[in-house]
N, C-alpha and C. Protein backbone atom coordinates (compact mmCIF):
# COMPACT_ATOMS: atom_id res chain seq x y z
N MET A 1 1.38 6.20 -12.32
CA MET A 1 1.12 8.03 -12.16
C MET A 1 0.51 8.43 -13.29
N VAL A 2 0.80 8.06 -14.48
CA VAL A 2 -0.28 8.81 -15.59
C VAL A 2 -1.67 8.82 -15.37
N ALA A 3 -1.96 7.48 -14.80
CA ALA A 3 -3.74 7.60 -14.79
C ALA A 3 -3.85 8.37 -13.62
N ALA A 4 -3.16 8.67 -12.66
CA ALA A 4 -3.68 9.96 -11.59
C ALA A 4 -3.50 11.31 -12.10
N ILE A 5 -2.73 11.21 -13.02
CA ILE A 5 -2.77 12.85 -13.64
C ILE A 5 -3.66 13.10 -14.33
N GLU A 6 -4.16 11.71 -15.24
CA GLU A 6 -5.17 12.13 -16.50
C GLU A 6 -6.47 11.99 -15.37
N LYS A 7 -6.63 11.33 -14.63
CA LYS A 7 -7.52 11.48 -13.54
C LYS A 7 -8.02 12.99 -13.15
N LYS A 8 -7.04 13.61 -12.44
CA LYS A 8 -6.77 15.00 -12.36
C LYS A 8 -7.28 15.99 -13.16
N ILE A 9 -6.70 15.85 -14.35
CA ILE A 9 -7.04 16.97 -15.50
C ILE A 9 -8.61 16.59 -15.96
N ARG A 10 -8.90 15.38 -15.99
CA ARG A 10 -10.32 14.91 -16.24
C ARG A 10 -11.36 15.76 -15.16
N GLU A 11 -11.23 15.64 -13.63
CA GLU A 11 -11.78 16.22 -13.21
C GLU A 11 -11.62 17.75 -13.00
N ALA A 12 -10.52 18.24 -13.34
CA ALA A 12 -10.19 19.81 -13.43
C ALA A 12 -11.35 20.18 -14.75
N PHE A 13 -11.17 19.47 -15.80
CA PHE A 13 -11.66 19.76 -17.26
C PHE A 13 -13.18 20.20 -16.92
N GLN A 14 -13.84 19.17 -15.87
CA GLN A 14 -15.19 19.07 -15.68
C GLN A 14 -15.75 20.27 -15.49
N MET A 15 -15.19 20.77 -14.23
CA MET A 15 -15.72 22.06 -13.67
C MET A 15 -15.52 22.99 -14.39
N PHE A 16 -15.28 22.89 -15.98
CA PHE A 16 -14.99 24.22 -16.58
C PHE A 16 -15.99 23.66 -17.99
N ASP A 17 -16.34 22.75 -18.02
CA ASP A 17 -17.26 21.82 -18.96
C ASP A 17 -19.09 21.99 -18.90
N ARG A 18 -19.42 23.37 -19.17
CA ARG A 18 -20.59 23.97 -18.52
C ARG A 18 -21.80 22.81 -19.19
N GLU A 19 -21.48 22.31 -20.55
CA GLU A 19 -22.19 21.43 -21.18
C GLU A 19 -22.13 20.15 -21.37
N GLY A 20 -21.16 19.75 -20.24
CA GLY A 20 -21.17 18.38 -20.10
C GLY A 20 -20.80 17.14 -21.63
N ASN A 21 -20.42 17.96 -22.49
CA ASN A 21 -20.10 17.35 -23.63
C ASN A 21 -18.41 17.40 -24.20
N GLU A 22 -17.65 17.29 -22.91
CA GLU A 22 -16.23 17.35 -22.89
C GLU A 22 -15.43 18.42 -24.10
N THR A 23 -16.35 19.52 -23.82
CA THR A 23 -15.83 20.99 -24.31
C THR A 23 -15.59 21.90 -23.28
N MET A 24 -14.50 23.02 -23.57
CA MET A 24 -14.86 24.27 -22.57
C MET A 24 -14.71 25.24 -23.48
N ASP A 25 -14.71 26.32 -22.91
CA ASP A 25 -14.79 27.79 -23.97
C ASP A 25 -13.25 28.08 -23.49
N VAL A 26 -12.64 28.35 -24.82
CA VAL A 26 -11.15 28.57 -25.11
C VAL A 26 -10.78 29.65 -24.03
N ARG A 27 -11.31 30.70 -23.50
CA ARG A 27 -11.47 31.67 -22.93
C ARG A 27 -10.94 31.43 -21.40
N GLU A 28 -11.35 30.02 -20.79
CA GLU A 28 -10.89 29.68 -19.58
C GLU A 28 -9.92 28.90 -19.57
N ILE A 29 -8.87 28.56 -20.77
CA ILE A 29 -7.83 27.75 -20.13
C ILE A 29 -6.80 28.19 -19.43
N GLY A 30 -6.65 29.31 -19.18
CA GLY A 30 -5.48 30.04 -18.27
C GLY A 30 -6.16 29.45 -16.96
N ALA A 31 -7.16 29.46 -16.56
CA ALA A 31 -7.76 29.18 -15.18
C ALA A 31 -7.82 27.86 -14.71
N LEU A 32 -7.95 26.45 -15.98
CA LEU A 32 -7.97 25.65 -16.02
C LEU A 32 -6.16 24.98 -15.74
N VAL A 33 -5.59 25.66 -16.45
CA VAL A 33 -4.12 25.29 -16.51
C VAL A 33 -3.51 25.74 -14.95
N ARG A 34 -4.20 26.92 -14.29
CA ARG A 34 -3.59 27.37 -13.00
C ARG A 34 -4.13 26.37 -11.93
N SER A 35 -5.37 26.04 -12.36
CA SER A 35 -5.92 25.03 -11.22
C SER A 35 -4.88 23.67 -11.20
N LEU A 36 -4.58 23.67 -12.08
CA LEU A 36 -3.78 22.19 -12.03
C LEU A 36 -2.11 22.21 -11.42
N GLY A 37 -2.12 23.82 -10.91
CA GLY A 37 -0.61 23.80 -10.33
C GLY A 37 0.35 24.28 -11.47
N CYS A 38 -0.05 24.77 -12.63
CA CYS A 38 1.04 25.18 -13.63
C CYS A 38 0.86 26.78 -13.84
N PHE A 39 1.64 27.28 -13.91
CA PHE A 39 1.46 28.82 -14.07
C PHE A 39 2.57 29.34 -15.20
N PRO A 40 1.89 29.14 -16.27
CA PRO A 40 2.70 29.75 -17.55
C PRO A 40 2.48 31.07 -17.72
N THR A 41 3.33 31.84 -18.92
CA THR A 41 3.17 33.38 -19.05
C THR A 41 2.28 33.41 -19.97
N GLU A 42 1.62 34.34 -20.78
CA GLU A 42 0.50 34.57 -21.45
C GLU A 42 0.98 33.90 -22.64
N ALA A 43 2.34 34.20 -23.09
CA ALA A 43 2.93 33.54 -24.08
C ALA A 43 3.19 32.27 -24.06
N GLU A 44 3.39 31.43 -23.22
CA GLU A 44 3.09 30.01 -23.06
C GLU A 44 2.09 29.69 -23.17
N LEU A 45 1.17 30.42 -22.77
CA LEU A 45 -0.37 29.78 -22.57
C LEU A 45 -1.00 29.91 -23.88
N ARG A 46 -0.56 30.91 -24.93
CA ARG A 46 -0.80 31.17 -26.46
C ARG A 46 -0.62 29.52 -26.96
N LYS A 47 0.77 29.54 -26.84
CA LYS A 47 1.42 28.35 -27.53
C LYS A 47 0.70 26.91 -26.81
N LEU A 48 0.44 26.73 -25.83
CA LEU A 48 -0.29 25.48 -25.58
C LEU A 48 -1.63 25.52 -25.85
N LEU A 49 -2.21 26.68 -26.21
CA LEU A 49 -3.66 26.53 -26.83
C LEU A 49 -3.25 25.98 -28.24
N ALA A 50 -2.28 26.63 -28.53
CA ALA A 50 -2.34 26.46 -30.22
C ALA A 50 -2.13 24.92 -30.46
N GLU A 51 -1.38 24.13 -29.79
CA GLU A 51 -1.45 22.65 -29.49
C GLU A 51 -2.35 21.89 -29.25
N VAL A 52 -3.79 22.56 -28.97
CA VAL A 52 -5.03 21.61 -28.65
C VAL A 52 -6.30 22.12 -29.12
N GLU A 53 -6.07 23.62 -29.57
CA GLU A 53 -6.74 24.16 -30.42
C GLU A 53 -7.17 23.26 -31.88
N GLU A 54 -8.76 23.26 -32.45
CA GLU A 54 -8.84 22.88 -33.93
C GLU A 54 -7.71 23.57 -34.94
N GLU A 55 -7.70 23.19 -35.86
CA GLU A 55 -7.39 23.72 -36.96
C GLU A 55 -8.21 24.89 -37.34
N GLU A 56 -9.62 24.65 -37.19
CA GLU A 56 -10.26 25.99 -37.51
C GLU A 56 -10.83 26.31 -36.10
N PRO A 57 -10.08 27.13 -35.46
CA PRO A 57 -10.81 27.67 -33.80
C PRO A 57 -12.10 27.67 -34.05
N THR A 58 -13.28 26.96 -32.81
CA THR A 58 -14.13 27.14 -32.69
C THR A 58 -14.43 27.89 -31.35
N GLY A 59 -13.61 28.33 -30.47
CA GLY A 59 -13.91 28.79 -29.55
C GLY A 59 -13.89 27.85 -28.24
N TYR A 60 -13.98 26.92 -28.65
CA TYR A 60 -14.07 25.87 -27.51
C TYR A 60 -12.68 24.70 -27.57
N ILE A 61 -12.46 24.03 -26.52
CA ILE A 61 -11.52 23.08 -26.60
C ILE A 61 -12.05 21.67 -25.81
N ASN A 62 -11.76 20.56 -26.66
CA ASN A 62 -11.80 19.45 -26.74
C ASN A 62 -10.98 18.84 -25.66
N LEU A 63 -11.18 18.08 -24.69
CA LEU A 63 -10.95 17.08 -23.38
C LEU A 63 -10.11 16.29 -24.48
N GLY A 64 -10.50 15.51 -25.28
CA GLY A 64 -9.85 14.73 -25.87
C GLY A 64 -8.12 15.07 -26.65
N LYS A 65 -8.44 16.41 -27.15
CA LYS A 65 -7.09 17.02 -27.43
C LYS A 65 -6.25 17.52 -26.23
N PHE A 66 -7.02 18.23 -25.29
CA PHE A 66 -6.44 19.03 -24.34
C PHE A 66 -5.57 17.63 -23.25
N LEU A 67 -6.06 16.60 -23.24
CA LEU A 67 -5.64 15.40 -22.24
C LEU A 67 -4.20 15.30 -22.57
N PRO A 68 -3.68 14.82 -23.73
CA PRO A 68 -2.68 14.25 -23.85
C PRO A 68 -1.71 15.60 -23.77
N VAL A 69 -2.02 16.85 -24.04
CA VAL A 69 -0.86 17.82 -24.15
C VAL A 69 -0.77 18.21 -22.47
N MET A 70 -1.96 18.18 -21.65
CA MET A 70 -1.55 18.48 -20.35
C MET A 70 -1.05 17.76 -19.67
N THR A 71 -1.26 16.62 -19.81
CA THR A 71 -0.48 15.17 -19.17
C THR A 71 0.82 15.37 -19.62
N LYS A 72 1.41 15.62 -20.52
CA LYS A 72 3.02 15.72 -20.72
C LYS A 72 3.14 17.01 -20.13
N VAL A 73 2.58 18.05 -19.92
CA VAL A 73 3.05 19.37 -19.20
C VAL A 73 3.42 18.98 -17.98
N LEU A 74 2.38 18.13 -17.42
CA LEU A 74 2.41 17.76 -15.69
C LEU A 74 3.54 16.92 -15.66
N LEU A 75 3.62 15.89 -16.11
CA LEU A 75 4.76 14.72 -16.14
C LEU A 75 6.24 15.94 -16.48
N ASN A 76 6.23 16.39 -17.18
CA ASN A 76 7.35 17.24 -17.32
C ASN A 76 7.57 18.19 -16.43
N ARG A 77 6.78 18.77 -15.34
CA ARG A 77 6.55 19.41 -14.38
C ARG A 77 6.76 20.94 -14.88
N SER A 78 6.60 21.31 -16.42
CA SER A 78 6.42 22.27 -17.13
C SER A 78 5.56 23.47 -16.20
N PHE A 79 5.97 24.86 -16.34
CA PHE A 79 5.36 26.01 -15.87
C PHE A 79 4.96 25.91 -14.37
N ARG A 80 6.07 25.49 -13.81
CA ARG A 80 6.28 25.59 -11.86
C ARG A 80 6.17 27.09 -11.35
N PRO A 81 6.13 27.12 -10.56
CA PRO A 81 5.63 28.40 -9.96
C PRO A 81 7.18 29.03 -9.84
N ILE A 82 7.23 30.55 -9.32
CA ILE A 82 8.79 30.64 -9.32
C ILE A 82 8.83 30.29 -7.46
N PRO A 83 10.33 30.00 -7.43
CA PRO A 83 10.51 29.42 -5.86
C PRO A 83 10.48 30.53 -4.93
N GLU A 84 10.16 30.15 -3.51
CA GLU A 84 9.87 31.07 -2.60
C GLU A 84 10.82 32.03 -2.47
N ASP A 85 12.05 31.86 -2.65
CA ASP A 85 13.02 32.85 -2.05
C ASP A 85 12.88 34.21 -3.08
N VAL A 86 12.54 33.65 -4.43
CA VAL A 86 12.35 34.75 -5.61
C VAL A 86 11.30 35.65 -5.21
N LEU A 87 10.18 34.83 -4.84
CA LEU A 87 8.97 35.43 -4.70
C LEU A 87 8.87 36.58 -3.50
N LEU A 88 9.66 36.09 -2.61
CA LEU A 88 9.76 36.98 -1.46
C LEU A 88 10.68 38.02 -1.75
N HIS A 89 11.56 37.89 -2.33
CA HIS A 89 12.51 39.60 -2.98
C HIS A 89 11.81 40.48 -3.70
N ALA A 90 10.63 39.80 -4.47
CA ALA A 90 9.74 40.43 -5.35
C ALA A 90 8.84 41.35 -4.55
N PHE A 91 8.31 40.71 -3.52
CA PHE A 91 7.45 41.48 -2.87
C PHE A 91 8.30 42.35 -1.74
N GLU A 92 9.34 42.02 -1.61
CA GLU A 92 10.30 42.94 -0.83
C GLU A 92 10.31 44.08 -1.47
N ALA A 93 10.57 44.11 -2.61
CA ALA A 93 11.03 45.11 -3.61
C ALA A 93 9.74 46.17 -3.67
N LEU A 94 8.47 45.38 -3.77
CA LEU A 94 7.46 46.52 -3.79
C LEU A 94 7.17 47.22 -2.41
N ASP A 95 7.28 46.46 -1.61
CA ASP A 95 7.47 46.86 -0.07
C ASP A 95 8.18 48.15 0.25
N GLU A 96 7.90 49.13 -0.32
CA GLU A 96 9.09 50.48 0.24
C GLU A 96 9.59 50.77 1.41
N ASN A 97 8.29 50.84 2.31
CA ASN A 97 8.31 50.87 3.43
C ASN A 97 8.78 49.70 4.54
N LYS A 98 9.34 48.70 3.90
CA LYS A 98 9.54 47.42 4.47
C LYS A 98 8.79 46.97 5.85
N ASN A 99 7.40 47.21 5.64
CA ASN A 99 5.88 47.07 6.63
C ASN A 99 5.89 45.26 6.19
N GLY A 100 6.22 44.52 5.50
CA GLY A 100 5.89 43.14 5.70
C GLY A 100 4.66 42.91 5.02
N TYR A 101 4.00 43.76 4.32
CA TYR A 101 2.99 43.83 3.57
C TYR A 101 2.73 44.97 2.76
N ILE A 102 1.85 44.65 1.40
CA ILE A 102 1.41 45.52 0.60
C ILE A 102 -0.10 45.89 0.47
N THR A 103 -0.29 47.36 0.52
CA THR A 103 -1.89 47.13 0.26
C THR A 103 -2.34 46.54 -0.95
N LYS A 104 -3.40 46.40 -1.25
CA LYS A 104 -4.56 45.83 -1.99
C LYS A 104 -4.18 47.17 -3.35
N GLU A 105 -4.27 48.46 -2.95
CA GLU A 105 -4.23 49.30 -4.29
C GLU A 105 -3.10 48.88 -4.74
N GLU A 106 -1.64 49.00 -4.02
CA GLU A 106 -0.55 48.76 -4.59
C GLU A 106 -0.10 47.72 -5.60
N LEU A 107 -0.64 46.16 -5.05
CA LEU A 107 -0.82 45.04 -5.64
C LEU A 107 -1.45 45.16 -7.03
N VAL A 108 -2.65 45.89 -7.29
CA VAL A 108 -3.25 45.88 -8.35
C VAL A 108 -2.53 46.94 -9.42
N LYS A 109 -2.02 47.87 -8.80
CA LYS A 109 -1.11 48.74 -9.67
C LYS A 109 0.08 48.03 -10.65
N HIS A 110 0.86 47.67 -9.29
CA HIS A 110 2.08 46.87 -10.09
C HIS A 110 1.53 45.69 -10.98
N MET A 111 0.58 45.01 -10.58
CA MET A 111 0.54 43.53 -11.31
C MET A 111 -0.61 43.81 -12.55
N THR A 112 -1.38 45.14 -12.74
CA THR A 112 -1.78 45.18 -14.22
C THR A 112 -1.24 46.38 -14.99
N GLU A 113 -0.22 47.41 -14.54
CA GLU A 113 0.51 48.15 -15.00
C GLU A 113 1.98 48.09 -15.31
N GLU A 114 2.70 46.91 -14.78
CA GLU A 114 3.79 46.40 -15.09
C GLU A 114 4.09 45.18 -15.68
N GLY A 115 5.09 45.24 -16.29
CA GLY A 115 5.55 43.80 -16.63
C GLY A 115 4.28 43.45 -17.80
N GLU A 116 4.27 42.03 -17.70
CA GLU A 116 3.16 41.45 -18.19
C GLU A 116 2.03 41.49 -17.53
N PRO A 117 1.09 42.35 -17.82
CA PRO A 117 0.08 42.63 -16.79
C PRO A 117 -1.52 41.48 -16.82
N PHE A 118 -1.29 41.49 -15.63
CA PHE A 118 -2.69 40.61 -15.35
C PHE A 118 -3.66 41.12 -16.11
N THR A 119 -4.60 39.89 -16.37
CA THR A 119 -5.80 40.27 -16.95
C THR A 119 -7.12 40.70 -15.44
N GLU A 120 -7.80 41.14 -16.11
CA GLU A 120 -8.84 41.35 -14.61
C GLU A 120 -9.16 39.85 -13.98
N GLU A 121 -9.57 38.77 -14.72
CA GLU A 121 -9.98 37.82 -13.92
C GLU A 121 -8.62 37.07 -13.24
N GLU A 122 -7.56 37.10 -14.02
CA GLU A 122 -6.30 36.52 -12.98
C GLU A 122 -5.98 37.33 -11.59
N MET A 123 -6.73 38.89 -11.99
CA MET A 123 -6.44 39.79 -10.64
C MET A 123 -7.53 39.46 -9.89
N GLU A 124 -8.72 39.28 -9.91
CA GLU A 124 -9.73 38.74 -9.22
C GLU A 124 -8.92 37.56 -8.32
N GLU A 125 -8.57 36.63 -9.09
CA GLU A 125 -8.40 35.36 -8.37
C GLU A 125 -7.12 35.17 -7.76
N MET A 126 -5.82 36.25 -8.01
CA MET A 126 -5.27 36.48 -7.41
C MET A 126 -5.35 37.11 -6.12
N LEU A 127 -6.39 38.45 -5.91
CA LEU A 127 -7.05 39.13 -4.80
C LEU A 127 -7.69 38.09 -3.68
N SER A 128 -8.20 37.23 -4.23
CA SER A 128 -8.97 36.51 -3.54
C SER A 128 -8.72 35.62 -2.63
N SER A 129 -7.35 34.93 -3.05
CA SER A 129 -6.28 34.58 -2.26
C SER A 129 -5.23 35.05 -1.43
N ALA A 130 -4.84 36.01 -2.12
CA ALA A 130 -4.14 36.95 -1.39
C ALA A 130 -4.04 38.19 -0.62
N ILE A 131 -5.06 38.47 -0.41
CA ILE A 131 -5.90 40.01 0.46
C ILE A 131 -6.35 39.12 1.74
N ASP A 132 -5.64 40.10 2.90
CA ASP A 132 -6.57 39.79 4.04
C ASP A 132 -7.52 40.72 4.33
N PRO A 133 -8.71 40.11 4.49
CA PRO A 133 -10.11 40.84 4.64
C PRO A 133 -9.88 41.59 5.79
N LYS A 134 -9.10 41.51 6.72
CA LYS A 134 -9.14 42.35 7.87
C LYS A 134 -8.67 43.46 7.77
N THR A 135 -7.35 43.46 6.96
CA THR A 135 -6.31 44.77 6.70
C THR A 135 -6.44 44.94 5.44
N ASP A 136 -7.01 44.46 4.44
CA ASP A 136 -7.19 44.63 2.97
C ASP A 136 -5.80 44.96 2.33
N ALA A 137 -5.19 44.17 2.65
CA ALA A 137 -3.19 43.97 2.59
C ALA A 137 -3.27 42.70 2.25
N VAL A 138 -1.82 42.74 1.37
CA VAL A 138 -1.44 41.19 0.82
C VAL A 138 -0.41 41.02 2.10
N HIS A 139 -0.30 40.21 3.04
CA HIS A 139 0.98 39.42 3.99
C HIS A 139 1.76 38.91 3.46
N TYR A 140 2.80 39.29 2.59
CA TYR A 140 3.14 38.59 1.40
C TYR A 140 3.99 37.22 1.82
N ARG A 141 4.59 37.17 3.49
CA ARG A 141 5.44 36.16 3.68
C ARG A 141 4.30 34.67 3.90
N ASP A 142 3.10 35.40 4.76
CA ASP A 142 1.89 34.62 4.57
C ASP A 142 1.04 33.88 3.03
N TYR A 143 1.27 34.74 2.66
CA TYR A 143 0.66 34.43 1.06
C TYR A 143 1.56 33.62 0.30
N ILE A 144 3.12 33.65 0.65
CA ILE A 144 3.75 32.88 0.06
C ILE A 144 3.65 31.38 0.45
N LEU A 145 3.79 31.43 1.64
CA LEU A 145 3.53 30.19 2.31
C LEU A 145 2.14 29.48 2.00
N LYS A 146 1.00 30.12 1.92
CA LYS A 146 0.07 29.69 1.44
C LYS A 146 -0.12 28.75 -0.07
N LEU A 147 0.93 29.53 -0.78
CA LEU A 147 1.03 29.42 -2.30
C LEU A 147 1.88 27.72 -2.32
N LEU A 148 2.74 27.84 -1.29
CA LEU A 148 3.74 26.86 -1.51
C LEU A 148 3.01 25.34 -0.96
N VAL A 149 2.04 25.88 0.17
CA VAL A 149 1.12 24.65 0.86
C VAL A 149 0.11 24.06 -0.46
N GLU A 150 -0.48 25.12 -1.30
CA GLU A 150 -1.54 24.62 -2.48
C GLU A 150 -0.47 24.19 -3.30
N ASP A 151 0.54 24.51 -3.83
CA ASP A 151 1.15 23.84 -4.81
C ASP A 151 1.70 22.75 -4.24
N ALA A 152 1.81 22.09 -3.05
CA ALA A 152 2.33 20.92 -2.93
C ALA A 152 1.21 20.18 -2.82
N ASP A 153 0.06 20.46 -2.18
CA ASP A 153 -1.17 19.60 -2.58
C ASP A 153 -1.86 19.44 -4.01
N ASP A 154 -1.05 20.27 -4.80
CA ASP A 154 -1.39 19.87 -5.82
C ASP A 154 -0.89 18.55 -6.97
N LEU A 155 0.44 18.64 -6.47
CA LEU A 155 1.01 17.01 -6.80
C LEU A 155 0.28 16.27 -6.54
N PRO A 156 0.76 15.14 -7.80
CA PRO A 156 -0.08 13.87 -7.64
C PRO A 156 0.74 12.78 -6.84
N GLN A 157 0.10 11.85 -5.81
CA GLN A 157 0.96 11.21 -4.91
C GLN A 157 1.37 9.74 -5.22
């Protein structure tokens, strides 16, 4: 199982390794960690980054330092997504008219202005998978099911 997890991490890391030298831009660590099915808060992400960064930050992360830390995270199932019922309750709270959807504008407003705000990159990533292009809205029951299927696909077999 450890070998399968390490393989998955290496493959994901390679997608961010633009130079092919087992390093990646430190600014992309959030996207990499989320691509591995983990969803840390920004504070948790900074703590994870502190574990893998060099003593003298270079702006890059080395695969050799990242691999053991991320393997431990995946083995411990850290930073797992929020449970389905909690997500549904949160979306329903945002859906004041109880339509079963929220508009793109409403979602952006809530995700960038309240709580721990999403970055522009995080918002774009979410919108790309959450928004129904025909209605320009988030049909949140469908979106939650999509998240659950994607999360199940991320688990090592």
